[in-house]
Amino acid sequence: MKVAPIKTPEVVKRMFPNYVWDMPSGEKTIYLTFDDGPTPEITEWTLDILKQFDAKATFFCIGDNIKKYPEIFHKVLDEEHRIGNHTFNHLKGWKTETEDYLENTLKAQQIIDTESDQIGLSKTSLLAPKLFRPPYGKIKPSQTERLLAQDYKIIMWDVISYDWDKDISKEQCLEYVTSKAKDGSIVVFHDSVKANRNMSYVLPKVLEHFKQMGYTFKSL
């Protein structure tokens, strides 16, 4: 069940200028992002599809999943995709005290940095500047302030696919993205088990659709 618009209204973007909503360039570029991984069921498949289309993306990883599946996280880095922080436990900011939220985010960041350092990538452009996406898109002003002070860029979205929603058909999910994304759009997908049904159908078709229109896919 959709609780937020597929395409973020311009008025919302203007109300919250501290967040990054899109990155228009005039060069037919789309920024695909994937939340909630890494997961063995779909992250590696996602990487293979992106490689087929010479596409780069940004993966907002959950710290606990990196801890469980470090080898998949390393593969994301090896294939030169951008990494972002999605907290350690997928916390909902509106229901979490600011100190706890910051601590959880920094715990995830420590794992990101440690695992990246193991393969010699701790100082590369795949990790800096630090990117953060709040789970559910829900974050308190106090949490925003603290994370900005820690030099994070807070990344929201222009288009959300609703790939995880069991009430949304794969055809609807595809139409949401192809009809709403444009130059500079930051698009949200999920490399999660819940999203697998829709995302595995939609991603190749989105890549093919926009490639035929002359678009390229870049990481943030």
C-alpha atoms as a PDB file:
ATOM      1  CA  MET A   1       0.000   0.000   0.000  1.00  0.00           C
ATOM      2  CA  LYS A   2       1.546   3.301  -1.114  1.00  0.00           C
ATOM      3  CA  VAL A   3       1.914   5.878   1.657  1.00  0.00           C
ATOM      4  CA  ALA A   4       4.089   8.327  -0.278  1.00  0.00           C
ATOM      5  CA  PRO A   5       3.904   9.550  -3.871  1.00  0.00           C
ATOM      6  CA  ILE A   6       5.847   7.657  -6.514  1.00  0.00           C
ATOM      7  CA  LYS A   7       7.496  10.902  -7.588  1.00  0.00           C
ATOM      8  CA  THR A   8       8.504  13.341  -4.863  1.00  0.00           C
ATOM      9  CA  PRO A   9       6.618  16.642  -5.302  1.00  0.00           C
ATOM     10  CA  GLU A  10       8.730  19.730  -5.976  1.00  0.00           C
ATOM     11  CA  VAL A  11       7.191  21.460  -2.964  1.00  0.00           C
ATOM     12  CA  VAL A  12       8.576  18.733  -0.684  1.00  0.00           C
ATOM     13  CA  LYS A  13      12.046  19.130  -2.168  1.00  0.00           C
ATOM     14  CA  ARG A  14      11.898  22.863  -1.513  1.00  0.00           C
ATOM     15  CA  MET A  15      10.699  22.319   2.053  1.00  0.00           C
ATOM     16  CA  PHE A  16      13.694  20.109   2.868  1.00  0.00           C
ATOM     17  CA  PRO A  17      16.674  21.587   1.029  1.00  0.00           C
ATOM     18  CA  ASN A  18      19.222  19.860   3.281  1.00  0.00           C
ATOM     19  CA  TYR A  19      18.418  16.557   1.574  1.00  0.00           C
ATOM     20  CA  VAL A  20      19.502  15.478  -1.906  1.00  0.00           C
ATOM     21  CA  TRP A  21      16.417  14.588  -3.951  1.00  0.00           C
ATOM     22  CA  ASP A  22      17.730  14.586  -7.508  1.00  0.00           C
ATOM     23  CA  MET A  23      20.768  15.641  -9.547  1.00  0.00           C
ATOM     24  CA  PRO A  24      19.679  17.047 -12.918  1.00  0.00           C
ATOM     25  CA  SER A  25      22.574  17.472 -15.335  1.00  0.00           C
ATOM     26  CA  GLY A  26      21.021  17.982 -18.748  1.00  0.00           C
ATOM     27  CA  GLU A  27      22.926  14.906 -19.920  1.00  0.00           C
ATOM     28  CA  LYS A  28      20.281  12.156 -19.676  1.00  0.00           C
ATOM     29  CA  THR A  29      21.612  10.587 -16.487  1.00  0.00           C
ATOM     30  CA  ILE A  30      19.671   8.463 -13.993  1.00  0.00           C
ATOM     31  CA  TYR A  31      20.930   7.447 -10.553  1.00  0.00           C
ATOM     32  CA  LEU A  32      19.738   3.990  -9.527  1.00  0.00           C
ATOM     33  CA  THR A  33      19.960   3.209  -5.818  1.00  0.00           C
ATOM     34  CA  PHE A  34      19.432  -0.055  -3.961  1.00  0.00           C
ATOM     35  CA  ASP A  35      18.500  -0.209  -0.275  1.00  0.00           C
ATOM     36  CA  ASP A  36      18.664  -2.923   2.402  1.00  0.00           C
ATOM     37  CA  GLY A  37      21.418  -5.224   1.110  1.00  0.00           C
ATOM     38  CA  PRO A  38      23.630  -6.978   0.781  1.00  0.00           C
ATOM     39  CA  THR A  39      21.527 -10.129   0.573  1.00  0.00           C
ATOM     40  CA  PRO A  40      22.574 -13.428  -1.014  1.00  0.00           C
ATOM     41  CA  GLU A  41      19.216 -13.918  -2.732  1.00  0.00           C
ATOM     42  CA  ILE A  42      19.407 -10.866  -5.014  1.00  0.00           C
ATOM     43  CA  THR A  43      22.416  -8.542  -4.598  1.00  0.00           C
ATOM     44  CA  GLU A  44      24.793 -10.548  -6.782  1.00  0.00           C
ATOM     45  CA  TRP A  45      22.083 -10.951  -9.425  1.00  0.00           C
ATOM     46  CA  THR A  46      21.626  -7.162  -9.330  1.00  0.00           C
ATOM     47  CA  LEU A  47      25.340  -6.658  -9.882  1.00  0.00           C
ATOM     48  CA  ASP A  48      25.282  -9.001 -12.889  1.00  0.00           C
ATOM     49  CA  ILE A  49      22.370  -7.132 -14.493  1.00  0.00           C
ATOM     50  CA  LEU A  50      24.030  -3.764 -13.934  1.00  0.00           C
ATOM     51  CA  LYS A  51      27.220  -5.061 -15.531  1.00  0.00           C
ATOM     52  CA  GLN A  52      25.309  -6.211 -18.617  1.00  0.00           C
ATOM     53  CA  PHE A  53      24.197  -2.617 -19.201  1.00  0.00           C
ATOM     54  CA  ASP A  54      27.478  -0.985 -18.158  1.00  0.00           C
ATOM     55  CA  ALA A  55      25.534   0.749 -15.377  1.00  0.00           C
ATOM     56  CA  LYS A  56      26.842   2.044 -12.075  1.00  0.00           C
ATOM     57  CA  ALA A  57      24.616   2.422  -9.020  1.00  0.00           C
ATOM     58  CA  THR A  58      24.641   3.281  -5.329  1.00  0.00           C
ATOM     59  CA  PHE A  59      23.981   0.657  -2.645  1.00  0.00           C
ATOM     60  CA  PHE A  60      22.676   1.867   0.718  1.00  0.00           C
ATOM     61  CA  CYS A  61      23.734  -1.033   2.900  1.00  0.00           C
ATOM     62  CA  ILE A  62      22.503  -2.203   6.284  1.00  0.00           C
ATOM     63  CA  GLY A  63      25.434  -2.684   8.622  1.00  0.00           C
ATOM     64  CA  ASP A  64      24.175  -5.983  10.003  1.00  0.00           C
ATOM     65  CA  ASN A  65      23.862  -7.379   6.471  1.00  0.00           C
ATOM     66  CA  ILE A  66      27.423  -6.342   5.659  1.00  0.00           C
ATOM     67  CA  LYS A  67      28.502  -8.147   8.810  1.00  0.00           C
ATOM     68  CA  LYS A  68      26.628 -11.287   7.727  1.00  0.00           C
ATOM     69  CA  TYR A  69      27.663 -11.225   4.059  1.00  0.00           C
ATOM     70  CA  PRO A  70      31.005  -9.408   3.775  1.00  0.00           C
ATOM     71  CA  GLU A  71      31.970 -11.253   0.602  1.00  0.00           C
ATOM     72  CA  ILE A  72      28.934  -9.847  -1.229  1.00  0.00           C
ATOM     73  CA  PHE A  73      29.713  -6.358   0.062  1.00  0.00           C
ATOM     74  CA  HIS A  74      33.258  -6.744  -1.241  1.00  0.00           C
ATOM     75  CA  LYS A  75      31.852  -7.669  -4.655  1.00  0.00           C
ATOM     76  CA  VAL A  76      29.783  -4.467  -4.740  1.00  0.00           C
ATOM     77  CA  LEU A  77      32.983  -2.525  -4.117  1.00  0.00           C
ATOM     78  CA  ASP A  78      35.044  -4.599  -6.539  1.00  0.00           C
ATOM     79  CA  GLU A  79      32.581  -3.710  -9.297  1.00  0.00           C
ATOM     80  CA  GLU A  80      32.999  -0.018  -8.437  1.00  0.00           C
ATOM     81  CA  HIS A  81      29.520   0.852  -7.245  1.00  0.00           C
ATOM     82  CA  ARG A  82      29.016   3.591  -4.682  1.00  0.00           C
ATOM     83  CA  ILE A  83      28.317   2.726  -1.039  1.00  0.00           C
ATOM     84  CA  GLY A  84      25.927   4.487   1.334  1.00  0.00           C
ATOM     85  CA  ASN A  85      24.932   3.953   4.967  1.00  0.00           C
ATOM     86  CA  HIS A  86      21.409   2.707   5.799  1.00  0.00           C
ATOM     87  CA  THR A  87      21.931   2.284   9.582  1.00  0.00           C
ATOM     88  CA  PHE A  88      22.964  -0.959  11.272  1.00  0.00           C
ATOM     89  CA  ASN A  89      19.449  -2.284  11.996  1.00  0.00           C
ATOM     90  CA  HIS A  90      17.192  -0.408   9.541  1.00  0.00           C
ATOM     91  CA  LEU A  91      15.947   1.941  12.218  1.00  0.00           C
ATOM     92  CA  LYS A  92      12.885   4.136  11.823  1.00  0.00           C
ATOM     93  CA  GLY A  93      14.119   7.586  12.790  1.00  0.00           C
ATOM     94  CA  TRP A  94      10.762   8.899  13.968  1.00  0.00           C
ATOM     95  CA  LYS A  95      10.611   6.175  16.615  1.00  0.00           C
ATOM     96  CA  THR A  96      14.251   6.312  17.723  1.00  0.00           C
ATOM     97  CA  GLU A  97      16.008   8.670  20.105  1.00  0.00           C
ATOM     98  CA  THR A  98      18.558  10.828  18.330  1.00  0.00           C
ATOM     99  CA  GLU A  99      21.550   9.526  20.288  1.00  0.00           C
ATOM    100  CA  ASP A 100      20.555   5.918  19.604  1.00  0.00           C
ATOM    101  CA  TYR A 101      20.006   6.697  15.924  1.00  0.00           C
ATOM    102  CA  LEU A 102      23.414   8.318  15.571  1.00  0.00           C
ATOM    103  CA  GLU A 103      25.109   5.479  17.438  1.00  0.00           C
ATOM    104  CA  ASN A 104      23.440   2.905  15.197  1.00  0.00           C
ATOM    105  CA  THR A 105      24.461   4.795  12.062  1.00  0.00           C
ATOM    106  CA  LEU A 106      28.057   5.138  13.218  1.00  0.00           C
ATOM    107  CA  LYS A 107      28.131   1.428  14.026  1.00  0.00           C
ATOM    108  CA  ALA A 108      27.172   0.715  10.430  1.00  0.00           C
ATOM    109  CA  GLN A 109      29.789   3.180   9.202  1.00  0.00           C
ATOM    110  CA  GLN A 110      32.495   1.447  11.184  1.00  0.00           C
ATOM    111  CA  ILE A 111      31.647  -1.844   9.491  1.00  0.00           C
ATOM    112  CA  ILE A 112      31.575  -0.176   6.066  1.00  0.00           C
ATOM    113  CA  ASP A 113      34.995   1.337   6.687  1.00  0.00           C
ATOM    114  CA  THR A 114      36.496  -1.836   8.160  1.00  0.00           C
ATOM    115  CA  GLU A 115      35.319  -4.115   5.361  1.00  0.00           C
ATOM    116  CA  SER A 116      36.325  -1.600   2.702  1.00  0.00           C
ATOM    117  CA  ASP A 117      39.760  -1.234   4.236  1.00  0.00           C
ATOM    118  CA  GLN A 118      40.264  -4.992   4.013  1.00  0.00           C
ATOM    119  CA  ILE A 119      40.268  -4.751   0.231  1.00  0.00           C
ATOM    120  CA  GLY A 120      42.156  -1.467   0.131  1.00  0.00           C
ATOM    121  CA  LEU A 121      39.269   0.864  -0.702  1.00  0.00           C
ATOM    122  CA  SER A 122      38.770   2.843   2.489  1.00  0.00           C
ATOM    123  CA  LYS A 123      39.780   6.215   1.002  1.00  0.00           C
ATOM    124  CA  THR A 124      38.350   5.908  -2.500  1.00  0.00           C
ATOM    125  CA  SER A 125      35.560   7.842  -4.190  1.00  0.00           C
ATOM    126  CA  LEU A 126      33.316   4.808  -3.680  1.00  0.00           C
ATOM    127  CA  LEU A 127      33.045   5.851  -0.030  1.00  0.00           C
ATOM    128  CA  ALA A 128      33.658   9.593   0.146  1.00  0.00           C
ATOM    129  CA  PRO A 129      31.842  11.812   0.763  1.00  0.00           C
ATOM    130  CA  LYS A 130      29.768   9.735   3.162  1.00  0.00           C
ATOM    131  CA  LEU A 131      26.225   9.075   1.966  1.00  0.00           C
ATOM    132  CA  PHE A 132      23.260   8.255   4.192  1.00  0.00           C
ATOM    133  CA  ARG A 133      19.692   7.288   3.417  1.00  0.00           C
ATOM    134  CA  PRO A 134      17.247   7.079   6.331  1.00  0.00           C
ATOM    135  CA  PRO A 135      15.238   3.839   6.338  1.00  0.00           C
ATOM    136  CA  TYR A 136      11.611   4.513   5.381  1.00  0.00           C
ATOM    137  CA  GLY A 137      12.690   8.072   4.541  1.00  0.00           C
ATOM    138  CA  LYS A 138      11.835   8.950   8.150  1.00  0.00           C
ATOM    139  CA  ILE A 139      14.304  11.066  10.063  1.00  0.00           C
ATOM    140  CA  LYS A 140      13.957  13.721  12.768  1.00  0.00           C
ATOM    141  CA  PRO A 141      15.371  17.242  12.324  1.00  0.00           C
ATOM    142  CA  SER A 142      17.709  16.589  15.259  1.00  0.00           C
ATOM    143  CA  GLN A 143      19.032  13.447  13.563  1.00  0.00           C
ATOM    144  CA  THR A 144      19.500  15.324  10.316  1.00  0.00           C
ATOM    145  CA  GLU A 145      21.446  18.043  12.097  1.00  0.00           C
ATOM    146  CA  ARG A 146      23.771  15.563  13.804  1.00  0.00           C
ATOM    147  CA  LEU A 147      24.464  13.611  10.621  1.00  0.00           C
ATOM    148  CA  LEU A 148      25.155  16.730   8.577  1.00  0.00           C
ATOM    149  CA  ALA A 149      27.585  17.772  11.309  1.00  0.00           C
ATOM    150  CA  GLN A 150      29.311  14.398  10.780  1.00  0.00           C
ATOM    151  CA  ASP A 151      29.778  15.302   7.085  1.00  0.00           C
ATOM    152  CA  TYR A 152      27.114  12.985   5.700  1.00  0.00           C
ATOM    153  CA  LYS A 153      25.107  13.814   2.606  1.00  0.00           C
ATOM    154  CA  ILE A 154      21.520  12.719   3.211  1.00  0.00           C
ATOM    155  CA  ILE A 155      20.119  11.142   0.069  1.00  0.00           C
ATOM    156  CA  MET A 156      16.389  10.871  -0.497  1.00  0.00           C
ATOM    157  CA  TRP A 157      14.801  10.219  -3.920  1.00  0.00           C
ATOM    158  CA  ASP A 158      12.928  11.599  -6.869  1.00  0.00           C
ATOM    159  CA  VAL A 159      11.187   8.315  -7.783  1.00  0.00           C
ATOM    160  CA  ILE A 160      10.395   5.331  -5.559  1.00  0.00           C
ATOM    161  CA  SER A 161       9.536   2.036  -7.252  1.00  0.00           C
ATOM    162  CA  TYR A 162       7.519   0.359  -4.485  1.00  0.00           C
ATOM    163  CA  ASP A 163       9.212  -2.884  -5.517  1.00  0.00           C
ATOM    164  CA  TRP A 164       8.773  -4.335  -2.013  1.00  0.00           C
ATOM    165  CA  ASP A 165       4.980  -3.889  -1.954  1.00  0.00           C
ATOM    166  CA  LYS A 166       3.210  -7.235  -2.424  1.00  0.00           C
ATOM    167  CA  ASP A 167       0.057  -5.409  -3.544  1.00  0.00           C
ATOM    168  CA  ILE A 168       1.888  -3.801  -6.478  1.00  0.00           C
ATOM    169  CA  SER A 169       2.211  -5.935  -9.608  1.00  0.00           C
ATOM    170  CA  LYS A 170       5.538  -6.144 -11.397  1.00  0.00           C
ATOM    171  CA  GLU A 171       3.953  -4.414 -14.390  1.00  0.00           C
ATOM    172  CA  GLN A 172       2.776  -1.520 -12.203  1.00  0.00           C
ATOM    173  CA  CYS A 173       6.191  -1.263 -10.622  1.00  0.00           C
ATOM    174  CA  LEU A 174       7.807  -1.001 -14.050  1.00  0.00           C
ATOM    175  CA  GLU A 175       5.335   1.665 -15.151  1.00  0.00           C
ATOM    176  CA  TYR A 176       6.004   3.724 -12.030  1.00  0.00           C
ATOM    177  CA  VAL A 177       9.685   4.014 -12.895  1.00  0.00           C
ATOM    178  CA  THR A 178       9.533   4.359 -16.667  1.00  0.00           C
ATOM    179  CA  SER A 179       6.793   6.998 -16.538  1.00  0.00           C
ATOM    180  CA  LYS A 180       8.263   9.137 -13.747  1.00  0.00           C
ATOM    181  CA  ALA A 181      12.062   8.996 -14.002  1.00  0.00           C
ATOM    182  CA  LYS A 182      13.883  11.661 -16.009  1.00  0.00           C
ATOM    183  CA  ASP A 183      17.303  13.276 -16.223  1.00  0.00           C
ATOM    184  CA  GLY A 184      18.774  13.569 -12.738  1.00  0.00           C
ATOM    185  CA  SER A 185      16.250  11.268 -11.061  1.00  0.00           C
ATOM    186  CA  ILE A 186      17.417   9.326  -8.024  1.00  0.00           C
ATOM    187  CA  VAL A 187      15.419   6.085  -8.179  1.00  0.00           C
ATOM    188  CA  VAL A 188      14.911   3.718  -5.244  1.00  0.00           C
ATOM    189  CA  PHE A 189      14.981  -0.054  -5.615  1.00  0.00           C
ATOM    190  CA  HIS A 190      15.696  -2.665  -2.931  1.00  0.00           C
ATOM    191  CA  ASP A 191      18.091  -5.598  -3.145  1.00  0.00           C
ATOM    192  CA  SER A 192      16.032  -7.440  -0.530  1.00  0.00           C
ATOM    193  CA  VAL A 193      14.099 -10.694  -0.409  1.00  0.00           C
ATOM    194  CA  LYS A 194      10.800  -8.818  -0.071  1.00  0.00           C
ATOM    195  CA  ALA A 195      11.462  -6.861  -3.277  1.00  0.00           C
ATOM    196  CA  ASN A 196      12.833  -9.795  -5.263  1.00  0.00           C
ATOM    197  CA  ARG A 197       9.642 -10.612  -7.181  1.00  0.00           C
ATOM    198  CA  ASN A 198       9.147  -7.136  -8.602  1.00  0.00           C
ATOM    199  CA  MET A 199      12.722  -5.945  -8.800  1.00  0.00           C
ATOM    200  CA  SER A 200      13.983  -8.964 -10.723  1.00  0.00           C
ATOM    201  CA  TYR A 201      11.333  -8.270 -13.370  1.00  0.00           C
ATOM    202  CA  VAL A 202      11.637  -4.502 -13.445  1.00  0.00           C
ATOM    203  CA  LEU A 203      15.368  -3.761 -13.301  1.00  0.00           C
ATOM    204  CA  PRO A 204      16.421  -5.235 -16.677  1.00  0.00           C
ATOM    205  CA  LYS A 205      13.458  -3.595 -18.392  1.00  0.00           C
ATOM    206  CA  VAL A 206      14.192  -0.201 -16.823  1.00  0.00           C
ATOM    207  CA  LEU A 207      17.811  -0.414 -17.923  1.00  0.00           C
ATOM    208  CA  GLU A 208      16.821  -1.409 -21.460  1.00  0.00           C
ATOM    209  CA  HIS A 209      14.073   1.241 -21.699  1.00  0.00           C
ATOM    210  CA  PHE A 210      16.242   4.170 -20.709  1.00  0.00           C
ATOM    211  CA  LYS A 211      19.324   2.925 -22.553  1.00  0.00           C
ATOM    212  CA  GLN A 212      17.297   2.963 -25.772  1.00  0.00           C
ATOM    213  CA  MET A 213      16.393   6.575 -24.981  1.00  0.00           C
ATOM    214  CA  GLY A 214      20.060   7.512 -24.692  1.00  0.00           C
ATOM    215  CA  TYR A 215      20.376   7.551 -20.902  1.00  0.00           C
ATOM    216  CA  THR A 216      23.377   6.481 -18.861  1.00  0.00           C
ATOM    217  CA  PHE A 217      23.297   5.176 -15.287  1.00  0.00           C
ATOM    218  CA  LYS A 218      25.762   6.606 -12.801  1.00  0.00           C
ATOM    219  CA  SER A 219      26.471   6.285  -9.098  1.00  0.00           C
ATOM    220  CA  LEU A 220      25.961   9.272  -6.826  1.00  0.00           C
END
